[in-house]
Amino acid sequence: MLQIAQLRNDPEGVKIKLQKKRFKELGLVDEVLRLDDQRKKLQLEFDNTQSQVNSASKEIGMLMGKGQKEEAEAKKSEVATLKAALQPIQDQLRQVEESLQSELVKLPNLPSDKVPEGVDLNDNVVVREGGVKPNLPAGAKPHWDLIREYDIIDFETGAKITGSGFPLYKGQGAKLQRALIQYFLDFNTAAGYTEYLPPFMVNEDSAYGTGQLPDKEGQMYHMPADKFYMIPTSEVPVTNIYRDQIIKESELPIRMTAYSPCFRREAGSFGKDVRGLNRVHQFDKVEIVQIVKPADSEAAHAQMVEHVERLLQSLELPYRILALCGGDMSFTSAITYDFEVYSAAQKRWLEVSSVSNFEAYQTNRMKIRYKDEKGKTQLLHSLNGSSLALPRIVACLLENNQTKQGIRIPEAVRGYFGKEWLAQ
């Protein structure tokens, strides 16, 4: 959530940045400031009236002590009138505060000055590429055919159990999934991230804190009876660990990693781009999250990008890093780098990670703060990244490593999987 001070200090500058994100409801900035002015006016009126109540109440005691009962009774009548006036002011103030909050959360995060201009994904900028695209043997197959051939994932039974987009991993497929999860977690903890295993459902406050509500409620699986949501990523519960806390400066930076299944409705998804593992409703992912001082967040973001890049390099996969343009960024992000891996059989790039700096947007919602060297309470910055999402990684590992002898397992994963080849 944006801070009102940002809007008040430079409302026209805020509008320019919002336009970079292709946000069209620029009048919201003016509406938020109008409501904040109204809130301040009502707060001042309430405080002044309350001050009169307090002052008059003290006078009653003094008058009673002097034996001036008539004057004391008159003052009591004055206090009663003032108190009666307080309630409608308080009610109006509460309504204005609620309206202000509901309008403020409709504003997305402001993009960093480093974010490139652009309308959609076609305007994203390739920062760099790495790895070598494989030369596949004649008759190479896409991963959905390899999955059937090696009998490692059963989409039909998954659909019978739950529905389309809920794959059932079996045998070597389940083992490969487990091996990758463990490898990713070990890679992250070796880099100084503390491992967590969070709840896979969150309440409304948690979903609101990281920005899933009210922006993405249609993309999440919701249990109305309990007001719980299945998590779209472990970023949500992990970042909320520190909600409503003032963190000691000595504890910063905080680095966390977590595995979780992820649940996304992906409503309206269809066609060749969602075939096989390209897009599913339930998938496994390992996440990294950092909470840092504002002065350190840009460096932390660069460090997280380098970390994910090293992880992809260890998997021997061809990849590229893209700086997302303003029009393709998420609601909550200030700057995002996407990682894509080349799928040799499909001859296309598949997104496998996003590394984002949210600056103070999430921490303002969650009230995650620290006290600076002057003792002043300040908001921290939050960042997160996929490290990594498994479905498309598995798709590319299967496709890019297929040979006449079978599917080769990358060296970094062999110790976890237990062998060099995926056997038929």
Protein backbone atom coordinates (compact mmCIF):
# COMPACT_ATOMS: atom_id res chain seq x y z
CA MET A 1 0.00 0.00 0.00
CA LEU A 2 1.31 3.43 -0.90
CA GLN A 3 1.99 5.89 1.89
CA ILE A 4 -0.20 8.98 1.85
CA ALA A 5 2.91 11.11 2.35
CA GLN A 6 4.13 9.92 -1.07
CA LEU A 7 0.94 11.14 -2.70
CA ARG A 8 0.85 14.42 -0.82
CA ASN A 9 4.49 15.32 -1.46
CA ASP A 10 4.23 14.94 -5.24
CA PRO A 11 0.76 13.99 -6.52
CA GLU A 12 1.58 14.77 -10.16
CA GLY A 13 4.81 12.77 -9.97
CA VAL A 14 2.85 9.84 -8.53
CA LYS A 15 0.41 10.03 -11.44
CA ILE A 16 3.27 9.96 -13.95
CA LYS A 17 4.65 6.82 -12.32
CA LEU A 18 1.23 5.20 -12.23
CA GLN A 19 0.88 5.87 -15.96
CA LYS A 20 4.14 3.96 -16.45
CA LYS A 21 2.30 0.95 -15.03
CA ARG A 22 -0.59 1.66 -17.41
CA PHE A 23 -2.84 2.43 -14.44
CA LYS A 24 -5.80 4.45 -15.68
CA GLU A 25 -7.71 5.54 -12.58
CA LEU A 26 -5.44 8.50 -11.84
CA GLY A 27 -8.31 10.37 -10.19
CA LEU A 28 -7.88 8.00 -7.24
CA VAL A 29 -4.83 10.00 -6.18
CA ASP A 30 -6.94 13.15 -5.83
CA GLU A 31 -9.74 11.22 -4.13
CA VAL A 32 -7.34 9.75 -1.56
CA LEU A 33 -5.94 13.20 -0.78
CA ARG A 34 -9.47 14.65 -0.50
CA LEU A 35 -10.48 11.92 1.94
CA ASP A 36 -7.28 12.42 3.91
CA ASP A 37 -8.01 16.16 4.18
CA GLN A 38 -11.50 15.31 5.41
CA ARG A 39 -10.03 12.81 7.89
CA LYS A 40 -7.62 15.40 9.25
CA LYS A 41 -10.40 17.98 9.65
CA LEU A 42 -12.61 15.52 11.51
CA GLN A 43 -9.71 14.33 13.65
CA LEU A 44 -8.94 17.93 14.62
CA GLU A 45 -12.60 18.55 15.43
CA PHE A 46 -12.72 15.36 17.52
CA ASP A 47 -9.48 16.19 19.36
CA ASN A 48 -10.63 19.75 20.12
CA THR A 49 -13.98 18.54 21.44
CA GLN A 50 -12.31 15.85 23.52
CA SER A 51 -9.94 18.47 24.91
CA GLN A 52 -12.92 20.59 25.94
CA VAL A 53 -14.46 17.55 27.64
CA ASN A 54 -11.25 16.87 29.55
CA SER A 55 -10.85 20.49 30.57
CA ALA A 56 -14.47 20.83 31.69
CA SER A 57 -14.28 17.56 33.62
CA LYS A 58 -11.30 18.85 35.60
CA GLU A 59 -13.20 22.03 36.39
CA ILE A 60 -16.07 20.01 37.84
CA GLY A 61 -13.78 18.51 40.45
CA MET A 62 -12.32 21.89 41.31
CA LEU A 63 -15.77 23.48 41.62
CA MET A 64 -17.04 20.64 43.81
CA GLY A 65 -13.99 21.04 46.01
CA LYS A 66 -14.84 24.69 46.51
CA GLY A 67 -18.46 23.87 47.31
CA GLN A 68 -19.75 25.56 44.15
CA LYS A 69 -22.35 22.90 43.38
CA GLU A 70 -24.52 24.95 41.02
CA GLU A 71 -21.52 25.87 38.87
CA ALA A 72 -20.39 22.21 38.98
CA GLU A 73 -23.82 21.00 37.82
CA ALA A 74 -23.79 23.52 34.96
CA LYS A 75 -20.36 22.28 33.97
CA LYS A 76 -21.61 18.67 34.07
CA SER A 77 -24.39 19.65 31.68
CA GLU A 78 -21.77 21.23 29.40
CA VAL A 79 -19.67 18.03 29.49
CA ALA A 80 -22.73 15.92 28.63
CA THR A 81 -23.46 18.14 25.62
CA LEU A 82 -19.84 17.94 24.46
CA LYS A 83 -19.77 14.14 24.87
CA ALA A 84 -22.99 13.83 22.87
CA ALA A 85 -21.32 15.81 20.09
CA LEU A 86 -18.29 13.48 20.12
CA GLN A 87 -20.12 10.36 18.95
CA PRO A 88 -21.33 11.61 15.55
CA ILE A 89 -17.88 13.08 14.88
CA GLN A 90 -16.30 9.74 15.77
CA ASP A 91 -18.78 7.85 13.57
CA GLN A 92 -18.11 10.15 10.63
CA LEU A 93 -14.36 9.88 11.20
CA ARG A 94 -14.57 6.09 11.16
CA GLN A 95 -16.53 6.13 7.90
CA VAL A 96 -14.03 8.48 6.26
CA GLU A 97 -11.10 6.35 7.46
CA GLU A 98 -12.71 3.23 6.00
CA SER A 99 -13.36 5.00 2.69
CA LEU A 100 -9.80 6.32 2.64
CA GLN A 101 -8.40 2.84 3.24
CA SER A 102 -10.61 1.21 0.59
CA GLU A 103 -9.52 3.77 -2.01
CA LEU A 104 -5.85 3.73 -1.05
CA VAL A 105 -5.49 -0.03 -1.53
CA LYS A 106 -6.72 0.34 -5.12
CA LEU A 107 -3.51 2.15 -6.04
CA PRO A 108 -0.69 -0.15 -7.22
CA ASN A 109 2.91 0.22 -6.15
CA LEU A 110 4.94 2.85 -7.96
CA PRO A 111 7.50 1.48 -10.43
CA SER A 112 11.18 2.13 -9.88
CA ASP A 113 12.90 4.63 -12.15
CA LYS A 114 14.87 1.65 -13.53
CA VAL A 115 11.72 -0.03 -14.86
CA PRO A 116 11.61 0.21 -18.68
CA GLU A 117 8.65 1.80 -20.44
CA GLY A 118 6.24 -0.56 -22.15
CA VAL A 119 2.70 -1.78 -22.55
CA ASP A 120 2.93 -5.57 -22.18
CA LEU A 121 5.27 -8.57 -22.21
CA ASN A 122 6.41 -7.77 -25.73
CA ASP A 123 8.14 -4.69 -24.34
CA ASN A 124 10.13 -6.50 -21.65
CA VAL A 125 13.90 -6.03 -21.96
CA VAL A 126 16.33 -8.95 -22.09
CA VAL A 127 19.09 -8.16 -19.58
CA ARG A 128 21.30 -11.15 -20.36
CA GLU A 129 21.27 -14.78 -21.46
CA GLY A 130 23.21 -17.76 -20.20
CA GLY A 131 23.71 -21.45 -20.85
CA VAL A 132 23.72 -23.30 -24.15
CA LYS A 133 20.63 -24.35 -26.07
CA PRO A 134 20.87 -28.11 -26.72
CA ASN A 135 20.86 -29.76 -30.14
CA LEU A 136 18.18 -32.39 -29.67
CA PRO A 137 18.25 -35.70 -31.54
CA ALA A 138 15.89 -36.30 -34.42
CA GLY A 139 12.40 -37.14 -33.21
CA ALA A 140 12.82 -35.24 -29.93
CA LYS A 141 9.58 -34.99 -27.99
CA PRO A 142 7.87 -32.34 -25.88
CA HIS A 143 7.64 -33.07 -22.20
CA TRP A 144 3.97 -34.14 -22.28
CA ASP A 145 4.95 -37.04 -24.55
CA LEU A 146 8.02 -37.88 -22.45
CA ILE A 147 5.85 -37.92 -19.33
CA ARG A 148 3.69 -40.63 -20.88
CA GLU A 149 6.65 -42.55 -22.24
CA TYR A 150 8.42 -42.64 -18.87
CA ASP A 151 5.15 -42.94 -16.89
CA ILE A 152 6.09 -40.31 -14.32
CA ILE A 153 3.04 -38.00 -14.20
CA ASP A 154 -0.60 -38.98 -14.57
CA PHE A 155 -2.77 -36.06 -15.63
CA GLU A 156 -5.86 -38.20 -16.26
CA THR A 157 -5.98 -39.68 -12.76
CA GLY A 158 -5.22 -36.28 -11.26
CA ALA A 159 -8.22 -34.90 -13.16
CA LYS A 160 -10.36 -37.78 -11.85
CA ILE A 161 -9.29 -37.12 -8.27
CA THR A 162 -9.65 -33.35 -8.41
CA GLY A 163 -9.93 -31.77 -11.85
CA SER A 164 -7.94 -30.60 -14.84
CA GLY A 165 -4.63 -29.00 -13.91
CA PHE A 166 -3.95 -31.15 -10.83
CA PRO A 167 -1.17 -33.56 -11.88
CA LEU A 168 -0.49 -36.84 -10.06
CA TYR A 169 3.25 -37.49 -9.79
CA LYS A 170 4.28 -41.12 -9.51
CA GLY A 171 7.38 -43.26 -9.25
CA GLN A 172 10.43 -41.51 -10.69
CA GLY A 173 8.33 -38.40 -11.29
CA ALA A 174 7.54 -38.06 -7.59
CA LYS A 175 11.17 -38.79 -6.71
CA LEU A 176 12.47 -36.17 -9.17
CA GLN A 177 10.06 -33.64 -7.69
CA ARG A 178 11.29 -34.40 -4.18
CA ALA A 179 14.93 -34.31 -5.29
CA LEU A 180 14.57 -30.88 -6.86
CA ILE A 181 12.76 -29.44 -3.84
CA GLN A 182 15.48 -30.67 -1.49
CA TYR A 183 18.25 -29.42 -3.78
CA PHE A 184 16.68 -25.97 -4.08
CA LEU A 185 16.23 -25.69 -0.30
CA ASP A 186 19.81 -26.79 0.38
CA PHE A 187 21.09 -24.33 -2.24
CA ASN A 188 19.18 -21.52 -0.52
CA THR A 189 20.09 -22.39 3.07
CA ALA A 190 23.77 -22.63 2.05
CA ALA A 191 23.45 -19.00 0.93
CA GLY A 192 22.20 -17.90 4.34
CA TYR A 193 18.43 -18.28 4.02
CA THR A 194 16.61 -19.78 7.02
CA GLU A 195 14.22 -22.57 6.05
CA TYR A 196 10.54 -22.48 7.02
CA LEU A 197 7.65 -24.84 6.40
CA PRO A 198 4.61 -22.54 6.56
CA PRO A 199 0.87 -23.20 6.64
CA PHE A 200 -0.58 -23.74 3.17
CA MET A 201 -3.73 -21.75 4.00
CA VAL A 202 -3.84 -18.14 5.12
CA ASN A 203 -6.46 -15.83 6.58
CA GLU A 204 -7.72 -12.62 4.99
CA ASP A 205 -5.26 -10.41 6.91
CA SER A 206 -2.31 -12.38 5.53
CA ALA A 207 -3.63 -12.32 1.96
CA TYR A 208 -4.26 -8.59 2.30
CA GLY A 209 -0.77 -8.00 3.72
CA THR A 210 1.12 -9.21 0.66
CA GLY A 211 -1.35 -7.72 -1.82
CA GLN A 212 -3.35 -10.75 -2.94
CA LEU A 213 -6.44 -9.01 -1.55
CA PRO A 214 -8.27 -7.13 -2.84
CA ASP A 215 -6.43 -7.38 -6.18
CA LYS A 216 -6.22 -11.14 -6.88
CA GLU A 217 -9.11 -12.80 -5.03
CA GLY A 218 -10.34 -14.34 -8.28
CA GLN A 219 -7.06 -16.20 -8.71
CA MET A 220 -7.12 -17.90 -5.32
CA TYR A 221 -9.04 -20.89 -3.99
CA HIS A 222 -11.27 -19.61 -1.19
CA MET A 223 -12.97 -21.39 1.71
CA PRO A 224 -15.75 -18.97 2.67
CA ALA A 225 -16.86 -20.87 5.77
CA ASP A 226 -13.47 -20.29 7.43
CA LYS A 227 -12.40 -17.22 5.44
CA PHE A 228 -9.19 -19.00 4.49
CA TYR A 229 -7.34 -18.94 1.17
CA MET A 230 -5.09 -21.61 -0.32
CA ILE A 231 -1.73 -19.93 -0.84
CA PRO A 232 -0.62 -18.95 -4.36
CA THR A 233 2.99 -18.99 -3.13
CA SER A 234 4.81 -19.37 0.20
CA GLU A 235 5.71 -15.68 -0.04
CA VAL A 236 2.32 -14.97 1.54
CA PRO A 237 2.66 -16.88 4.85
CA VAL A 238 6.43 -16.36 5.12
CA THR A 239 6.36 -12.57 4.77
CA ASN A 240 3.45 -12.42 7.22
CA ILE A 241 5.62 -13.99 9.93
CA TYR A 242 6.73 -10.45 10.76
CA ARG A 243 3.36 -8.71 10.37
CA ASP A 244 2.73 -6.07 13.08
CA GLN A 245 6.27 -6.31 14.41
CA ILE A 246 9.07 -3.86 15.08
CA ILE A 247 12.23 -5.77 14.20
CA LYS A 248 15.54 -5.09 15.93
CA GLU A 249 18.04 -3.53 13.56
CA SER A 250 20.58 -6.15 14.67
CA GLU A 251 18.31 -8.88 13.21
CA LEU A 252 18.40 -7.39 9.71
CA PRO A 253 18.57 -8.44 6.97
CA ILE A 254 16.10 -11.30 7.37
CA ARG A 255 16.48 -14.03 4.73
CA MET A 256 13.91 -16.83 4.54
CA THR A 257 13.26 -19.76 2.22
CA ALA A 258 10.31 -22.13 2.11
CA TYR A 259 8.88 -24.96 0.08
CA SER A 260 5.15 -25.19 -0.45
CA PRO A 261 2.58 -26.43 -2.89
CA CYS A 262 0.99 -23.46 -4.65
CA PHE A 263 -2.64 -23.14 -5.71
CA ARG A 264 -3.82 -20.87 -8.52
CA ARG A 265 -7.16 -20.94 -10.25
CA GLU A 266 -5.67 -19.55 -13.51
CA ALA A 267 -9.20 -18.85 -14.69
CA GLY A 268 -9.52 -18.55 -18.46
CA SER A 269 -6.27 -20.38 -19.25
CA PHE A 270 -6.45 -22.58 -22.32
CA GLY A 271 -4.61 -23.51 -25.53
CA LYS A 272 -1.15 -24.81 -26.35
CA ASP A 273 0.54 -22.56 -23.77
CA VAL A 274 -1.06 -24.52 -20.93
CA ARG A 275 -0.40 -28.02 -22.22
CA GLY A 276 1.32 -30.50 -19.92
CA LEU A 277 3.23 -28.77 -17.14
CA ASN A 278 3.21 -25.36 -18.79
CA ARG A 279 0.36 -24.22 -16.55
CA VAL A 280 -1.32 -26.13 -13.74
CA HIS A 281 -3.58 -25.28 -10.80
CA GLN A 282 -1.39 -26.97 -8.16
CA PHE A 283 2.40 -26.99 -8.31
CA ASP A 284 5.45 -27.07 -6.06
CA LYS A 285 7.73 -24.11 -5.57
CA VAL A 286 10.61 -23.05 -3.38
CA GLU A 287 10.65 -19.36 -2.51
CA ILE A 288 13.17 -16.90 -1.12
CA VAL A 289 12.09 -13.80 0.84
CA GLN A 290 14.10 -10.94 2.29
CA ILE A 291 13.16 -8.15 4.70
CA VAL A 292 15.75 -5.39 4.71
CA LYS A 293 16.36 -1.73 5.51
CA PRO A 294 15.28 0.62 2.71
CA ALA A 295 18.86 1.63 1.95
CA ASP A 296 19.76 -2.03 1.37
CA SER A 297 16.85 -3.21 -0.79
CA GLU A 298 18.34 -2.40 -4.19
CA ALA A 299 21.50 -4.37 -3.36
CA ALA A 300 19.39 -7.19 -1.88
CA HIS A 301 17.37 -7.38 -5.11
CA ALA A 302 20.55 -7.66 -7.19
CA GLN A 303 21.86 -10.35 -4.84
CA MET A 304 18.65 -12.37 -5.17
CA VAL A 305 18.78 -12.15 -8.98
CA GLU A 306 22.37 -13.43 -8.93
CA HIS A 307 21.36 -16.22 -6.55
CA VAL A 308 18.59 -17.49 -8.83
CA GLU A 309 20.92 -17.19 -11.83
CA ARG A 310 23.53 -19.39 -10.13
CA LEU A 311 20.83 -21.94 -9.32
CA LEU A 312 19.76 -22.12 -12.97
CA GLN A 313 23.38 -22.39 -14.06
CA SER A 314 23.82 -25.36 -11.73
CA LEU A 315 20.90 -27.07 -13.50
CA GLU A 316 22.71 -26.62 -16.84
CA LEU A 317 19.68 -25.00 -18.42
CA PRO A 318 19.73 -22.20 -21.03
CA TYR A 319 18.09 -19.14 -19.51
CA ARG A 320 17.51 -15.45 -19.97
CA ILE A 321 16.73 -12.62 -17.57
CA LEU A 322 14.15 -9.99 -18.45
CA ALA A 323 13.48 -6.62 -16.86
CA LEU A 324 9.70 -6.32 -16.86
CA CYS A 325 8.32 -3.14 -18.38
CA GLY A 326 5.84 -0.98 -16.49
CA GLY A 327 2.81 -2.42 -18.26
CA ASP A 328 3.72 -6.05 -17.46
CA MET A 329 4.53 -5.66 -13.78
CA SER A 330 2.46 -6.97 -10.91
CA PHE A 331 0.22 -4.73 -8.81
CA THR A 332 2.55 -4.80 -5.80
CA SER A 333 6.01 -4.75 -7.38
CA ALA A 334 8.34 -1.77 -7.72
CA ILE A 335 10.75 -3.67 -9.99
CA THR A 336 10.76 -7.26 -11.24
CA TYR A 337 13.22 -9.44 -13.13
CA ASP A 338 11.79 -12.58 -14.72
CA PHE A 339 13.82 -15.70 -15.46
CA GLU A 340 12.89 -17.81 -18.46
CA VAL A 341 14.30 -21.19 -19.42
CA TYR A 342 14.45 -22.34 -23.03
CA SER A 343 12.30 -25.34 -23.83
CA ALA A 344 14.15 -26.98 -26.70
CA ALA A 345 11.36 -29.32 -27.81
CA GLN A 346 8.69 -26.61 -27.68
CA LYS A 347 11.14 -24.03 -29.06
CA ARG A 348 9.96 -21.36 -26.67
CA TRP A 349 10.95 -19.61 -23.48
CA LEU A 350 9.10 -20.55 -20.26
CA GLU A 351 9.00 -18.35 -17.16
CA VAL A 352 10.35 -20.15 -14.09
CA SER A 353 11.03 -17.33 -11.63
CA SER A 354 10.19 -13.74 -10.78
CA VAL A 355 12.42 -11.76 -8.43
CA SER A 356 10.72 -8.61 -7.15
CA ASN A 357 11.40 -5.70 -4.86
CA PHE A 358 8.19 -4.42 -3.28
CA GLU A 359 9.97 -1.68 -1.36
CA ALA A 360 7.58 -0.48 1.40
CA TYR A 361 4.34 -1.44 -0.37
CA GLN A 362 3.79 -4.74 1.47
CA THR A 363 5.44 -3.71 4.73
CA ASN A 364 3.15 -0.68 4.98
CA ARG A 365 0.15 -3.01 4.81
CA MET A 366 1.67 -5.41 7.31
CA LYS A 367 3.27 -2.75 9.53
CA ILE A 368 6.71 -4.40 9.43
CA ARG A 369 9.03 -1.81 10.90
CA TYR A 370 12.32 -1.15 12.64
CA LYS A 371 13.82 1.69 14.69
CA ASP A 372 16.64 3.56 13.00
CA GLU A 373 19.77 4.88 14.73
CA LYS A 374 17.80 7.96 15.86
CA GLY A 375 15.12 5.79 17.45
CA LYS A 376 12.55 6.69 14.82
CA THR A 377 10.21 3.91 13.66
CA GLN A 378 10.56 3.28 9.92
CA LEU A 379 9.02 0.86 7.43
CA LEU A 380 11.25 -1.91 6.11
CA HIS A 381 11.37 -3.21 2.53
CA SER A 382 10.32 -6.70 1.41
CA LEU A 383 11.53 -8.74 -1.56
CA ASN A 384 10.79 -12.21 -2.88
CA GLY A 385 11.75 -14.58 -5.67
CA SER A 386 11.00 -18.05 -7.00
CA SER A 387 13.91 -20.34 -6.35
CA LEU A 388 12.44 -22.17 -8.20
CA ALA A 389 8.97 -23.07 -9.50
CA LEU A 390 9.08 -26.74 -10.46
CA PRO A 391 6.62 -27.50 -13.29
CA ARG A 392 8.39 -25.69 -16.11
CA ILE A 393 11.80 -26.57 -14.70
CA VAL A 394 10.82 -30.23 -14.90
CA ALA A 395 9.43 -29.70 -18.41
CA CYS A 396 12.71 -28.19 -19.60
CA LEU A 397 14.87 -30.75 -17.80
CA LEU A 398 12.98 -33.55 -19.53
CA GLU A 399 13.01 -31.95 -22.98
CA ASN A 400 16.52 -30.50 -23.00
CA ASN A 401 18.20 -33.60 -21.56
CA GLN A 402 16.59 -36.27 -23.75
CA THR A 403 19.11 -38.42 -25.58
CA LYS A 404 19.08 -41.74 -27.42
CA GLN A 405 20.13 -43.36 -24.13
CA GLY A 406 17.39 -41.71 -22.07
CA ILE A 407 16.92 -38.52 -20.08
CA ARG A 408 20.06 -37.29 -18.34
CA ILE A 409 19.77 -35.90 -14.80
CA PRO A 410 21.91 -32.77 -14.20
CA GLU A 411 24.97 -33.46 -12.10
CA ALA A 412 23.91 -31.11 -9.30
CA VAL A 413 20.70 -33.11 -8.74
CA ARG A 414 22.08 -36.65 -9.09
CA GLY A 415 22.99 -36.98 -5.42
CA TYR A 416 19.37 -36.19 -4.51
CA PHE A 417 17.76 -38.28 -7.25
CA GLY A 418 20.13 -41.19 -6.76
CA LYS A 419 21.15 -41.86 -10.36
CA GLU A 420 22.31 -40.23 -13.60
CA TRP A 421 19.48 -41.27 -15.89
CA LEU A 422 15.72 -41.32 -15.82
CA ALA A 423 14.90 -44.95 -16.60
CA GLN A 424 12.05 -46.21 -18.78
